[in-house]
Amino acid sequence: MNPALLIRLRPTTPWRIGPDTGARDQAVSIFHSDALYSALCSSFEQLGLLEEWFNATAQPHTEPAVRFSSCFPWQRGHLYAPPPAGLWPPPAANPTAASKVRWKGATLVPTSVIAGLVKGEQPSEEQWTVDGHSSCLIPGNSRSSTGPFRFVQRSSAAVDRVTGGQIEPHRVTCVQYAPASGLWCAAQFSNPITYAVWAPKLQAAFRLLADTGLGGLRSRGFGRFRNPDFQPGLLPELLFGSALPPAGNAYWLLSLFSPADTDTVEWTAGDYLLTRRTGRVGASQGGGQQKLASRMVAEGSVLLAGQPPLGAVRDVAPPGCPHPVYRSGYAVALPIPWPVTA
């Protein structure tokens, strides 16, 4: 297993994480891996390392030096993630009795529960409950009995100062994080040498992003976070505290995934969901133009493949853009046991 870096972000302001539709009155809880890659590109540009970064991560037909998971919530000692599709919700322990926990209502689950799922263990109804606001599975004996975040609305108004002060009031939905909560992501390196080269540079890039912010409405102060926490190790041990049981050819995605030509995914099997990704160019030249849309495999999907999925980076620059605009679709995926069907 290649070296990895677990990164915990501790927000100091609300975050604007918009949905794929772009609707201002909606927000989502996952900051996707392609958006994180774009933000890091902007950070490396300010650090004077953009060309070196592209050479390491945006070359076609080669494995990237670093690949990233999406950003998911954490709270106190629990890291949350979308559970493997097909294994969630867990089957009822007693089919004839009503369950105390509406497992299906949880879209984000602690990795400790996921570790039990892949081992075939049933989560205890006495220990867990579903937080209706965040759709997170939280400890049932939690002192506050609240999840790591809430969706809240902020009022704003667009003022046209050119034509005489016309005003358009509107509301924007954002994510407000609870105390001792935030977001986590993982950087996975291709080998120990790339870890030694890029881990310090990534830490500098994330510290710069702490000041400039992630997500939307950064000019209004949204998306800020304290100095990140970095924890090196192997990805299964960072997420679960130990290695997962032996697995076959099933891979649980922790990032968005755009398949490369060399990937051998069995698209007629597994359990996966597609999402449509767009966005706008944020560079100093060509900024504001809408990127070309892409369909990508969503986090939490389980893919069956003959070898670990790699993924690809795509140039999604709109026509006339003076430079390439890369959307990262590299896979951060863990092999998990998967039931064999006849």
C-alpha atoms as a PDB file:
ATOM      1  CA  MET A   1       0.000   0.000   0.000  1.00  0.00           C
ATOM      2  CA  ASN A   2       1.331   3.435  -0.977  1.00  0.00           C
ATOM      3  CA  PRO A   3       1.930   6.177   1.639  1.00  0.00           C
ATOM      4  CA  ALA A   4      -0.874   8.602   2.349  1.00  0.00           C
ATOM      5  CA  LEU A   5      -1.565  11.794   4.259  1.00  0.00           C
ATOM      6  CA  LEU A   6      -4.786  12.331   6.221  1.00  0.00           C
ATOM      7  CA  ILE A   7      -5.686  16.035   6.332  1.00  0.00           C
ATOM      8  CA  ARG A   8      -8.190  17.455   8.825  1.00  0.00           C
ATOM      9  CA  LEU A   9      -9.641  20.897   8.112  1.00  0.00           C
ATOM     10  CA  ARG A  10     -11.171  22.883  10.989  1.00  0.00           C
ATOM     11  CA  PRO A  11     -13.495  25.556   9.567  1.00  0.00           C
ATOM     12  CA  THR A  12     -13.692  28.965  11.182  1.00  0.00           C
ATOM     13  CA  THR A  13     -16.470  30.284   8.896  1.00  0.00           C
ATOM     14  CA  PRO A  14     -19.431  28.766   7.040  1.00  0.00           C
ATOM     15  CA  TRP A  15     -18.644  27.015   3.759  1.00  0.00           C
ATOM     16  CA  ARG A  16     -20.525  27.422   0.510  1.00  0.00           C
ATOM     17  CA  ILE A  17     -20.465  23.963  -1.136  1.00  0.00           C
ATOM     18  CA  GLY A  18     -22.885  24.250  -4.033  1.00  0.00           C
ATOM     19  CA  PRO A  19     -24.774  21.348  -5.611  1.00  0.00           C
ATOM     20  CA  ASP A  20     -24.185  20.158  -9.173  1.00  0.00           C
ATOM     21  CA  THR A  21     -27.213  22.201 -10.259  1.00  0.00           C
ATOM     22  CA  GLY A  22     -25.627  25.426  -8.976  1.00  0.00           C
ATOM     23  CA  ALA A  23     -28.831  26.431  -7.141  1.00  0.00           C
ATOM     24  CA  ARG A  24     -28.093  29.138  -4.552  1.00  0.00           C
ATOM     25  CA  ASP A  25     -30.770  27.880  -2.157  1.00  0.00           C
ATOM     26  CA  GLN A  26     -29.158  24.422  -1.923  1.00  0.00           C
ATOM     27  CA  ALA A  27     -25.875  23.078  -0.582  1.00  0.00           C
ATOM     28  CA  VAL A  28     -24.181  19.690  -0.189  1.00  0.00           C
ATOM     29  CA  SER A  29     -22.001  18.146   2.485  1.00  0.00           C
ATOM     30  CA  ILE A  30     -19.180  16.754   0.280  1.00  0.00           C
ATOM     31  CA  PHE A  31     -16.489  18.953  -1.243  1.00  0.00           C
ATOM     32  CA  HIS A  32     -15.622  16.897  -4.308  1.00  0.00           C
ATOM     33  CA  SER A  33     -12.129  15.777  -5.225  1.00  0.00           C
ATOM     34  CA  ASP A  34     -12.100  17.577  -8.596  1.00  0.00           C
ATOM     35  CA  ALA A  35     -12.908  20.885  -6.876  1.00  0.00           C
ATOM     36  CA  LEU A  36     -10.154  20.236  -4.313  1.00  0.00           C
ATOM     37  CA  TYR A  37      -7.662  19.578  -7.116  1.00  0.00           C
ATOM     38  CA  SER A  38      -8.659  22.840  -8.820  1.00  0.00           C
ATOM     39  CA  ALA A  39      -8.189  24.760  -5.578  1.00  0.00           C
ATOM     40  CA  LEU A  40      -4.747  23.224  -5.084  1.00  0.00           C
ATOM     41  CA  CYS A  41      -3.801  24.219  -8.641  1.00  0.00           C
ATOM     42  CA  SER A  42      -4.621  27.839  -7.752  1.00  0.00           C
ATOM     43  CA  SER A  43      -2.608  27.516  -4.554  1.00  0.00           C
ATOM     44  CA  PHE A  44       0.423  26.091  -6.362  1.00  0.00           C
ATOM     45  CA  GLU A  45       0.158  28.870  -8.936  1.00  0.00           C
ATOM     46  CA  GLN A  46       0.539  31.426  -6.138  1.00  0.00           C
ATOM     47  CA  LEU A  47       3.478  29.437  -4.751  1.00  0.00           C
ATOM     48  CA  GLY A  48       5.202  29.399  -8.156  1.00  0.00           C
ATOM     49  CA  LEU A  49       4.950  25.601  -8.459  1.00  0.00           C
ATOM     50  CA  LEU A  50       2.132  25.213 -10.989  1.00  0.00           C
ATOM     51  CA  GLU A  51       4.206  23.851 -13.891  1.00  0.00           C
ATOM     52  CA  GLU A  52       5.935  21.358 -11.605  1.00  0.00           C
ATOM     53  CA  TRP A  53       2.536  20.365 -10.184  1.00  0.00           C
ATOM     54  CA  PHE A  54       1.062  19.764 -13.647  1.00  0.00           C
ATOM     55  CA  ASN A  55       4.093  17.697 -14.636  1.00  0.00           C
ATOM     56  CA  ALA A  56       3.522  15.509 -11.583  1.00  0.00           C
ATOM     57  CA  THR A  57      -0.270  15.150 -11.750  1.00  0.00           C
ATOM     58  CA  ALA A  58      -1.655  16.110 -15.168  1.00  0.00           C
ATOM     59  CA  GLN A  59       0.302  13.970 -17.617  1.00  0.00           C
ATOM     60  CA  PRO A  60      -1.839  11.594 -19.704  1.00  0.00           C
ATOM     61  CA  HIS A  61      -1.206   7.846 -19.587  1.00  0.00           C
ATOM     62  CA  THR A  62       0.964   8.082 -16.454  1.00  0.00           C
ATOM     63  CA  GLU A  63       0.193   7.513 -12.795  1.00  0.00           C
ATOM     64  CA  PRO A  64      -0.041  10.821 -10.895  1.00  0.00           C
ATOM     65  CA  ALA A  65       2.398  11.524  -8.098  1.00  0.00           C
ATOM     66  CA  VAL A  66      -0.555  12.429  -5.837  1.00  0.00           C
ATOM     67  CA  ARG A  67      -4.280  11.743  -5.953  1.00  0.00           C
ATOM     68  CA  PHE A  68      -6.961  13.051  -3.605  1.00  0.00           C
ATOM     69  CA  SER A  69     -10.117  11.843  -1.984  1.00  0.00           C
ATOM     70  CA  SER A  70     -13.074  14.162  -1.664  1.00  0.00           C
ATOM     71  CA  CYS A  71     -13.559  16.128   1.561  1.00  0.00           C
ATOM     72  CA  PHE A  72     -15.987  14.523   4.023  1.00  0.00           C
ATOM     73  CA  PRO A  73     -17.137  15.608   7.510  1.00  0.00           C
ATOM     74  CA  TRP A  74     -15.466  14.604  10.751  1.00  0.00           C
ATOM     75  CA  GLN A  75     -16.572  15.099  14.329  1.00  0.00           C
ATOM     76  CA  ARG A  76     -14.477  14.460  17.395  1.00  0.00           C
ATOM     77  CA  GLY A  77     -12.997  10.958  16.912  1.00  0.00           C
ATOM     78  CA  HIS A  78     -15.186   9.951  13.950  1.00  0.00           C
ATOM     79  CA  LEU A  79     -14.357  10.273  10.258  1.00  0.00           C
ATOM     80  CA  TYR A  80     -17.478  10.165   8.073  1.00  0.00           C
ATOM     81  CA  ALA A  81     -17.678   8.825   4.521  1.00  0.00           C
ATOM     82  CA  PRO A  82     -20.353   7.563   2.118  1.00  0.00           C
ATOM     83  CA  PRO A  83     -20.730   3.825   2.861  1.00  0.00           C
ATOM     84  CA  PRO A  84     -20.004   1.299   0.100  1.00  0.00           C
ATOM     85  CA  ALA A  85     -22.984   1.079  -2.236  1.00  0.00           C
ATOM     86  CA  GLY A  86     -24.655  -2.313  -2.013  1.00  0.00           C
ATOM     87  CA  LEU A  87     -23.587  -2.847   1.604  1.00  0.00           C
ATOM     88  CA  TRP A  88     -25.737  -0.041   3.032  1.00  0.00           C
ATOM     89  CA  PRO A  89     -28.272  -0.001   4.591  1.00  0.00           C
ATOM     90  CA  PRO A  90     -27.374  -3.117   6.568  1.00  0.00           C
ATOM     91  CA  PRO A  91     -29.903  -5.965   6.608  1.00  0.00           C
ATOM     92  CA  ALA A  92     -32.222  -6.081   9.592  1.00  0.00           C
ATOM     93  CA  ALA A  93     -30.987  -8.278  12.418  1.00  0.00           C
ATOM     94  CA  ASN A  94     -34.575  -9.399  13.030  1.00  0.00           C
ATOM     95  CA  PRO A  95     -36.692  -9.134   9.851  1.00  0.00           C
ATOM     96  CA  THR A  96     -39.911  -9.602  11.826  1.00  0.00           C
ATOM     97  CA  ALA A  97     -39.261  -6.671  14.198  1.00  0.00           C
ATOM     98  CA  ALA A  98     -39.185  -2.958  13.434  1.00  0.00           C
ATOM     99  CA  SER A  99     -35.693  -1.442  13.502  1.00  0.00           C
ATOM    100  CA  LYS A 100     -34.978   1.270  16.071  1.00  0.00           C
ATOM    101  CA  VAL A 101     -32.669   3.074  13.638  1.00  0.00           C
ATOM    102  CA  ARG A 102     -33.641   4.164  10.148  1.00  0.00           C
ATOM    103  CA  TRP A 103     -30.320   3.148   8.640  1.00  0.00           C
ATOM    104  CA  LYS A 104     -31.370   4.224   5.142  1.00  0.00           C
ATOM    105  CA  GLY A 105     -31.559   7.838   6.303  1.00  0.00           C
ATOM    106  CA  ALA A 106     -27.779   7.977   6.891  1.00  0.00           C
ATOM    107  CA  THR A 107     -25.797   8.946   3.802  1.00  0.00           C
ATOM    108  CA  LEU A 108     -22.552   9.533   5.743  1.00  0.00           C
ATOM    109  CA  VAL A 109     -21.322   6.857   8.149  1.00  0.00           C
ATOM    110  CA  PRO A 110     -18.319   6.653  10.524  1.00  0.00           C
ATOM    111  CA  THR A 111     -15.437   4.697   9.055  1.00  0.00           C
ATOM    112  CA  SER A 112     -15.453   2.496  12.164  1.00  0.00           C
ATOM    113  CA  VAL A 113     -18.943   1.307  11.177  1.00  0.00           C
ATOM    114  CA  ILE A 114     -17.829   0.830   7.563  1.00  0.00           C
ATOM    115  CA  ALA A 115     -14.931  -1.327   8.758  1.00  0.00           C
ATOM    116  CA  GLY A 116     -17.457  -3.565  10.512  1.00  0.00           C
ATOM    117  CA  LEU A 117     -19.690  -3.662   7.435  1.00  0.00           C
ATOM    118  CA  VAL A 118     -16.980  -5.008   5.157  1.00  0.00           C
ATOM    119  CA  LYS A 119     -16.227  -7.665   7.789  1.00  0.00           C
ATOM    120  CA  GLY A 120     -19.889  -8.706   7.804  1.00  0.00           C
ATOM    121  CA  GLU A 121     -20.677  -7.188  11.214  1.00  0.00           C
ATOM    122  CA  GLN A 122     -24.049  -5.612  12.003  1.00  0.00           C
ATOM    123  CA  PRO A 123     -24.004  -2.131  13.638  1.00  0.00           C
ATOM    124  CA  SER A 124     -25.723  -2.009  17.006  1.00  0.00           C
ATOM    125  CA  GLU A 125     -29.082  -0.235  17.143  1.00  0.00           C
ATOM    126  CA  GLU A 126     -28.321   0.753  20.732  1.00  0.00           C
ATOM    127  CA  GLN A 127     -25.109   2.585  19.860  1.00  0.00           C
ATOM    128  CA  TRP A 128     -26.118   4.654  16.842  1.00  0.00           C
ATOM    129  CA  THR A 129     -28.776   7.065  15.663  1.00  0.00           C
ATOM    130  CA  VAL A 130     -29.342   9.131  12.511  1.00  0.00           C
ATOM    131  CA  ASP A 131     -29.022  12.912  12.724  1.00  0.00           C
ATOM    132  CA  GLY A 132     -31.837  14.224  10.551  1.00  0.00           C
ATOM    133  CA  HIS A 133     -30.174  17.562   9.785  1.00  0.00           C
ATOM    134  CA  SER A 134     -26.888  16.224   8.439  1.00  0.00           C
ATOM    135  CA  SER A 135     -27.934  12.661   7.475  1.00  0.00           C
ATOM    136  CA  CYS A 136     -24.944  11.403   9.470  1.00  0.00           C
ATOM    137  CA  LEU A 137     -24.923   8.290  11.626  1.00  0.00           C
ATOM    138  CA  ILE A 138     -23.881   9.613  15.041  1.00  0.00           C
ATOM    139  CA  PRO A 139     -23.335   7.891  18.405  1.00  0.00           C
ATOM    140  CA  GLY A 140     -26.631   7.345  20.195  1.00  0.00           C
ATOM    141  CA  ASN A 141     -25.097   8.309  23.533  1.00  0.00           C
ATOM    142  CA  SER A 142     -23.634  11.549  22.176  1.00  0.00           C
ATOM    143  CA  ARG A 143     -23.831  14.376  24.704  1.00  0.00           C
ATOM    144  CA  SER A 144     -25.202  16.820  22.181  1.00  0.00           C
ATOM    145  CA  SER A 145     -26.915  14.295  19.861  1.00  0.00           C
ATOM    146  CA  THR A 146     -26.126  16.557  16.915  1.00  0.00           C
ATOM    147  CA  GLY A 147     -24.225  15.918  13.726  1.00  0.00           C
ATOM    148  CA  PRO A 148     -21.043  17.603  12.526  1.00  0.00           C
ATOM    149  CA  PHE A 149     -22.827  20.321  10.525  1.00  0.00           C
ATOM    150  CA  ARG A 150     -26.085  22.057   9.672  1.00  0.00           C
ATOM    151  CA  PHE A 151     -27.351  23.674   6.500  1.00  0.00           C
ATOM    152  CA  VAL A 152     -28.128  27.336   7.164  1.00  0.00           C
ATOM    153  CA  GLN A 153     -29.117  30.272   4.992  1.00  0.00           C
ATOM    154  CA  ARG A 154     -27.479  33.661   4.717  1.00  0.00           C
ATOM    155  CA  SER A 155     -29.285  36.672   3.263  1.00  0.00           C
ATOM    156  CA  SER A 156     -27.575  38.849   0.701  1.00  0.00           C
ATOM    157  CA  ALA A 157     -28.338  41.429  -1.967  1.00  0.00           C
ATOM    158  CA  ALA A 158     -26.812  42.174  -5.345  1.00  0.00           C
ATOM    159  CA  VAL A 159     -26.551  45.925  -5.938  1.00  0.00           C
ATOM    160  CA  ASP A 160     -26.282  47.352  -9.456  1.00  0.00           C
ATOM    161  CA  ARG A 161     -24.213  50.495  -8.981  1.00  0.00           C
ATOM    162  CA  VAL A 162     -24.059  51.244 -12.716  1.00  0.00           C
ATOM    163  CA  THR A 163     -27.741  51.761 -13.519  1.00  0.00           C
ATOM    164  CA  GLY A 164     -28.818  53.536 -10.383  1.00  0.00           C
ATOM    165  CA  GLY A 165     -28.746  51.133  -7.487  1.00  0.00           C
ATOM    166  CA  GLN A 166     -31.169  48.368  -8.443  1.00  0.00           C
ATOM    167  CA  ILE A 167     -31.172  45.689  -5.732  1.00  0.00           C
ATOM    168  CA  GLU A 168     -31.808  41.950  -5.983  1.00  0.00           C
ATOM    169  CA  PRO A 169     -32.176  40.334  -2.523  1.00  0.00           C
ATOM    170  CA  HIS A 170     -31.497  36.593  -2.336  1.00  0.00           C
ATOM    171  CA  ARG A 171     -30.612  33.805   0.083  1.00  0.00           C
ATOM    172  CA  VAL A 172     -27.651  31.461  -0.103  1.00  0.00           C
ATOM    173  CA  THR A 173     -27.492  28.086   1.624  1.00  0.00           C
ATOM    174  CA  CYS A 174     -24.185  27.199   3.247  1.00  0.00           C
ATOM    175  CA  VAL A 175     -22.718  24.629   5.631  1.00  0.00           C
ATOM    176  CA  GLN A 176     -22.156  25.611   9.275  1.00  0.00           C
ATOM    177  CA  TYR A 177     -19.879  23.238  11.205  1.00  0.00           C
ATOM    178  CA  ALA A 178     -20.330  22.333  14.859  1.00  0.00           C
ATOM    179  CA  PRO A 179     -17.558  22.689  17.452  1.00  0.00           C
ATOM    180  CA  ALA A 180     -14.924  19.923  17.275  1.00  0.00           C
ATOM    181  CA  SER A 181     -16.017  19.199  13.708  1.00  0.00           C
ATOM    182  CA  GLY A 182     -14.832  19.885  10.190  1.00  0.00           C
ATOM    183  CA  LEU A 183     -13.791  18.206   6.964  1.00  0.00           C
ATOM    184  CA  TRP A 184     -11.165  15.598   6.182  1.00  0.00           C
ATOM    185  CA  CYS A 185      -9.542  14.387   2.988  1.00  0.00           C
ATOM    186  CA  ALA A 186      -6.718  12.037   2.073  1.00  0.00           C
ATOM    187  CA  ALA A 187      -3.782  12.467  -0.291  1.00  0.00           C
ATOM    188  CA  GLN A 188      -2.405   9.197  -1.645  1.00  0.00           C
ATOM    189  CA  PHE A 189       1.099   9.126  -3.127  1.00  0.00           C
ATOM    190  CA  SER A 190       2.425   6.889  -5.878  1.00  0.00           C
ATOM    191  CA  ASN A 191       5.502   5.797  -3.899  1.00  0.00           C
ATOM    192  CA  PRO A 192       7.671   6.860  -0.942  1.00  0.00           C
ATOM    193  CA  ILE A 193       9.823   9.097  -3.147  1.00  0.00           C
ATOM    194  CA  THR A 194       6.875  11.206  -4.353  1.00  0.00           C
ATOM    195  CA  TYR A 195       5.702  11.386  -0.741  1.00  0.00           C
ATOM    196  CA  ALA A 196       9.062  12.826   0.328  1.00  0.00           C
ATOM    197  CA  VAL A 197       8.959  15.353  -2.520  1.00  0.00           C
ATOM    198  CA  TRP A 198       5.313  16.444  -2.443  1.00  0.00           C
ATOM    199  CA  ALA A 199       4.104  16.053   1.152  1.00  0.00           C
ATOM    200  CA  PRO A 200       5.855  19.257   2.366  1.00  0.00           C
ATOM    201  CA  LYS A 201       4.646  21.204  -0.688  1.00  0.00           C
ATOM    202  CA  LEU A 202       1.084  19.990  -0.178  1.00  0.00           C
ATOM    203  CA  GLN A 203       1.173  21.100   3.432  1.00  0.00           C
ATOM    204  CA  ALA A 204       2.242  24.576   2.298  1.00  0.00           C
ATOM    205  CA  ALA A 205      -0.554  24.639  -0.307  1.00  0.00           C
ATOM    206  CA  PHE A 206      -3.195  23.681   2.258  1.00  0.00           C
ATOM    207  CA  ARG A 207      -1.934  26.326   4.693  1.00  0.00           C
ATOM    208  CA  LEU A 208      -2.336  28.905   1.937  1.00  0.00           C
ATOM    209  CA  LEU A 209      -5.873  27.648   1.245  1.00  0.00           C
ATOM    210  CA  ALA A 210      -6.674  28.071   4.947  1.00  0.00           C
ATOM    211  CA  ASP A 211      -6.304  31.826   4.413  1.00  0.00           C
ATOM    212  CA  THR A 212      -7.856  32.099   0.936  1.00  0.00           C
ATOM    213  CA  GLY A 213     -10.689  29.615   1.515  1.00  0.00           C
ATOM    214  CA  LEU A 214     -12.350  26.734  -0.307  1.00  0.00           C
ATOM    215  CA  GLY A 215     -15.709  26.625  -2.051  1.00  0.00           C
ATOM    216  CA  GLY A 216     -17.949  29.515  -3.053  1.00  0.00           C
ATOM    217  CA  LEU A 217     -18.307  33.044  -1.672  1.00  0.00           C
ATOM    218  CA  ARG A 218     -14.655  33.207  -0.679  1.00  0.00           C
ATOM    219  CA  SER A 219     -14.630  36.974  -1.301  1.00  0.00           C
ATOM    220  CA  ARG A 220     -17.147  37.258   1.556  1.00  0.00           C
ATOM    221  CA  GLY A 221     -14.966  35.240   3.923  1.00  0.00           C
ATOM    222  CA  PHE A 222     -16.574  31.826   3.455  1.00  0.00           C
ATOM    223  CA  GLY A 223     -14.558  28.606   3.334  1.00  0.00           C
ATOM    224  CA  ARG A 224     -11.791  29.584   5.782  1.00  0.00           C
ATOM    225  CA  PHE A 225     -10.213  27.083   8.189  1.00  0.00           C
ATOM    226  CA  ARG A 226      -7.519  26.907  10.844  1.00  0.00           C
ATOM    227  CA  ASN A 227      -4.048  25.506  10.280  1.00  0.00           C
ATOM    228  CA  PRO A 228      -4.731  21.940   9.022  1.00  0.00           C
ATOM    229  CA  ASP A 229      -3.734  18.785  10.873  1.00  0.00           C
ATOM    230  CA  PHE A 230      -1.600  16.329   8.860  1.00  0.00           C
ATOM    231  CA  GLN A 231      -1.279  12.655   9.757  1.00  0.00           C
ATOM    232  CA  PRO A 232       0.956  10.383   7.646  1.00  0.00           C
ATOM    233  CA  GLY A 233       0.454   6.646   7.300  1.00  0.00           C
ATOM    234  CA  LEU A 234      -1.246   4.017   5.178  1.00  0.00           C
ATOM    235  CA  LEU A 235      -4.788   4.857   4.079  1.00  0.00           C
ATOM    236  CA  PRO A 236      -6.621   1.818   5.577  1.00  0.00           C
ATOM    237  CA  GLU A 237      -4.899   2.325   8.920  1.00  0.00           C
ATOM    238  CA  LEU A 238      -5.590   6.062   8.897  1.00  0.00           C
ATOM    239  CA  LEU A 239      -9.299   5.481   8.255  1.00  0.00           C
ATOM    240  CA  PHE A 240      -9.975   2.269  10.163  1.00  0.00           C
ATOM    241  CA  GLY A 241      -7.103   1.854  12.609  1.00  0.00           C
ATOM    242  CA  SER A 242      -6.095  -1.435  10.957  1.00  0.00           C
ATOM    243  CA  ALA A 243      -5.935  -3.134   7.590  1.00  0.00           C
ATOM    244  CA  LEU A 244      -9.122  -4.350   5.931  1.00  0.00           C
ATOM    245  CA  PRO A 245      -9.769  -8.084   5.484  1.00  0.00           C
ATOM    246  CA  PRO A 246      -8.490  -9.714   2.280  1.00  0.00           C
ATOM    247  CA  ALA A 247     -10.474  -8.545  -0.728  1.00  0.00           C
ATOM    248  CA  GLY A 248     -10.952  -9.489  -4.344  1.00  0.00           C
ATOM    249  CA  ASN A 249     -11.656  -7.200  -7.264  1.00  0.00           C
ATOM    250  CA  ALA A 250     -14.154  -4.797  -5.658  1.00  0.00           C
ATOM    251  CA  TYR A 251     -13.040  -1.191  -5.014  1.00  0.00           C
ATOM    252  CA  TRP A 252     -14.820   1.371  -2.826  1.00  0.00           C
ATOM    253  CA  LEU A 253     -14.395   4.914  -4.166  1.00  0.00           C
ATOM    254  CA  LEU A 254     -13.487   7.823  -1.890  1.00  0.00           C
ATOM    255  CA  SER A 255     -13.146  10.255  -4.804  1.00  0.00           C
ATOM    256  CA  LEU A 256     -14.851  11.108  -8.038  1.00  0.00           C
ATOM    257  CA  PHE A 257     -13.652   8.842 -10.850  1.00  0.00           C
ATOM    258  CA  SER A 258     -13.218   9.376 -14.578  1.00  0.00           C
ATOM    259  CA  PRO A 259     -12.024   6.099 -16.127  1.00  0.00           C
ATOM    260  CA  ALA A 260      -8.830   5.964 -18.137  1.00  0.00           C
ATOM    261  CA  ASP A 261      -8.552   3.960 -21.338  1.00  0.00           C
ATOM    262  CA  THR A 262      -6.469   1.382 -19.488  1.00  0.00           C
ATOM    263  CA  ASP A 263      -8.962   0.840 -16.651  1.00  0.00           C
ATOM    264  CA  THR A 264     -10.655  -2.577 -16.726  1.00  0.00           C
ATOM    265  CA  VAL A 265     -13.950  -1.840 -14.970  1.00  0.00           C
ATOM    266  CA  GLU A 266     -16.826  -4.304 -15.298  1.00  0.00           C
ATOM    267  CA  TRP A 267     -19.592  -1.775 -15.894  1.00  0.00           C
ATOM    268  CA  THR A 268     -22.287  -4.466 -15.873  1.00  0.00           C
ATOM    269  CA  ALA A 269     -21.431  -5.373 -12.268  1.00  0.00           C
ATOM    270  CA  GLY A 270     -20.692  -3.560  -9.028  1.00  0.00           C
ATOM    271  CA  ASP A 271     -22.874  -0.800  -7.613  1.00  0.00           C
ATOM    272  CA  TYR A 272     -22.158   2.747  -8.770  1.00  0.00           C
ATOM    273  CA  LEU A 273     -23.768   6.121  -9.399  1.00  0.00           C
ATOM    274  CA  LEU A 274     -22.883   8.770 -11.988  1.00  0.00           C
ATOM    275  CA  THR A 275     -22.852  12.508 -11.358  1.00  0.00           C
ATOM    276  CA  ARG A 276     -22.518  15.450 -13.737  1.00  0.00           C
ATOM    277  CA  ARG A 277     -19.755  17.939 -12.968  1.00  0.00           C
ATOM    278  CA  THR A 278     -19.464  21.461 -14.356  1.00  0.00           C
ATOM    279  CA  GLY A 279     -18.033  24.589 -12.691  1.00  0.00           C
ATOM    280  CA  ARG A 280     -16.298  27.759 -13.808  1.00  0.00           C
ATOM    281  CA  VAL A 281     -12.713  28.648 -14.586  1.00  0.00           C
ATOM    282  CA  GLY A 282     -11.085  30.394 -11.642  1.00  0.00           C
ATOM    283  CA  ALA A 283      -7.772  31.424 -13.209  1.00  0.00           C
ATOM    284  CA  SER A 284      -6.701  35.001 -13.773  1.00  0.00           C
ATOM    285  CA  GLN A 285      -6.972  34.531 -17.551  1.00  0.00           C
ATOM    286  CA  GLY A 286     -10.276  33.167 -18.826  1.00  0.00           C
ATOM    287  CA  GLY A 287     -11.788  33.223 -15.346  1.00  0.00           C
ATOM    288  CA  GLY A 288     -15.563  33.006 -15.055  1.00  0.00           C
ATOM    289  CA  GLN A 289     -16.109  30.901 -18.167  1.00  0.00           C
ATOM    290  CA  GLN A 290     -18.035  27.678 -17.685  1.00  0.00           C
ATOM    291  CA  LYS A 291     -15.990  24.473 -17.886  1.00  0.00           C
ATOM    292  CA  LEU A 292     -17.035  21.658 -20.167  1.00  0.00           C
ATOM    293  CA  ALA A 293     -19.352  19.220 -18.387  1.00  0.00           C
ATOM    294  CA  SER A 294     -18.221  15.699 -17.478  1.00  0.00           C
ATOM    295  CA  ARG A 295     -19.938  12.587 -16.166  1.00  0.00           C
ATOM    296  CA  MET A 296     -18.036  10.975 -13.313  1.00  0.00           C
ATOM    297  CA  VAL A 297     -18.546   8.048 -10.968  1.00  0.00           C
ATOM    298  CA  ALA A 298     -19.598   9.292  -7.533  1.00  0.00           C
ATOM    299  CA  GLU A 299     -18.014   8.680  -4.143  1.00  0.00           C
ATOM    300  CA  GLY A 300     -19.282   5.621  -2.298  1.00  0.00           C
ATOM    301  CA  SER A 301     -19.600   3.615  -5.519  1.00  0.00           C
ATOM    302  CA  VAL A 302     -18.219   0.083  -5.652  1.00  0.00           C
ATOM    303  CA  LEU A 303     -16.484  -0.863  -8.901  1.00  0.00           C
ATOM    304  CA  LEU A 304     -15.448  -4.345  -9.975  1.00  0.00           C
ATOM    305  CA  ALA A 305     -12.183  -4.286 -11.901  1.00  0.00           C
ATOM    306  CA  GLY A 306      -9.345  -6.608 -12.768  1.00  0.00           C
ATOM    307  CA  GLN A 307      -6.848  -4.153 -11.294  1.00  0.00           C
ATOM    308  CA  PRO A 308      -7.088  -1.094  -9.028  1.00  0.00           C
ATOM    309  CA  PRO A 309      -8.809   1.753 -10.913  1.00  0.00           C
ATOM    310  CA  LEU A 310      -6.492   4.579 -11.911  1.00  0.00           C
ATOM    311  CA  GLY A 311      -8.656   7.224 -13.560  1.00  0.00           C
ATOM    312  CA  ALA A 312      -7.618  10.165 -15.687  1.00  0.00           C
ATOM    313  CA  VAL A 313      -7.321  13.922 -15.755  1.00  0.00           C
ATOM    314  CA  ARG A 314      -9.317  15.720 -18.475  1.00  0.00           C
ATOM    315  CA  ASP A 315      -8.838  19.107 -20.093  1.00  0.00           C
ATOM    316  CA  VAL A 316     -12.249  20.778 -19.710  1.00  0.00           C
ATOM    317  CA  ALA A 317     -11.238  24.250 -20.891  1.00  0.00           C
ATOM    318  CA  PRO A 318     -14.087  26.052 -22.710  1.00  0.00           C
ATOM    319  CA  PRO A 319     -13.551  27.154 -26.314  1.00  0.00           C
ATOM    320  CA  GLY A 320     -11.271  30.167 -26.503  1.00  0.00           C
ATOM    321  CA  CYS A 321      -9.702  29.674 -23.083  1.00  0.00           C
ATOM    322  CA  PRO A 322      -6.011  30.640 -23.314  1.00  0.00           C
ATOM    323  CA  HIS A 323      -4.778  27.725 -21.176  1.00  0.00           C
ATOM    324  CA  PRO A 324      -5.759  24.142 -20.277  1.00  0.00           C
ATOM    325  CA  VAL A 325      -8.183  23.575 -17.397  1.00  0.00           C
ATOM    326  CA  TYR A 326      -7.806  20.176 -15.776  1.00  0.00           C
ATOM    327  CA  ARG A 327     -10.516  18.186 -14.010  1.00  0.00           C
ATOM    328  CA  SER A 328      -9.033  15.411 -11.902  1.00  0.00           C
ATOM    329  CA  GLY A 329     -10.753  12.048 -12.106  1.00  0.00           C
ATOM    330  CA  TYR A 330      -8.056   9.956 -10.441  1.00  0.00           C
ATOM    331  CA  ALA A 331      -9.395   7.241  -8.175  1.00  0.00           C
ATOM    332  CA  VAL A 332      -8.725   6.963  -4.471  1.00  0.00           C
ATOM    333  CA  ALA A 333     -10.214   3.527  -3.879  1.00  0.00           C
ATOM    334  CA  LEU A 334      -9.870   0.794  -1.274  1.00  0.00           C
ATOM    335  CA  PRO A 335     -10.339  -2.912  -2.046  1.00  0.00           C
ATOM    336  CA  ILE A 336     -13.169  -4.411  -0.011  1.00  0.00           C
ATOM    337  CA  PRO A 337     -14.759  -7.869   0.229  1.00  0.00           C
ATOM    338  CA  TRP A 338     -17.738  -8.179  -2.085  1.00  0.00           C
ATOM    339  CA  PRO A 339     -20.475 -10.833  -2.078  1.00  0.00           C
ATOM    340  CA  VAL A 340     -20.241 -13.279  -4.952  1.00  0.00           C
ATOM    341  CA  THR A 341     -23.484 -13.685  -6.870  1.00  0.00           C
ATOM    342  CA  ALA A 342     -24.345 -16.709  -8.954  1.00  0.00           C
END
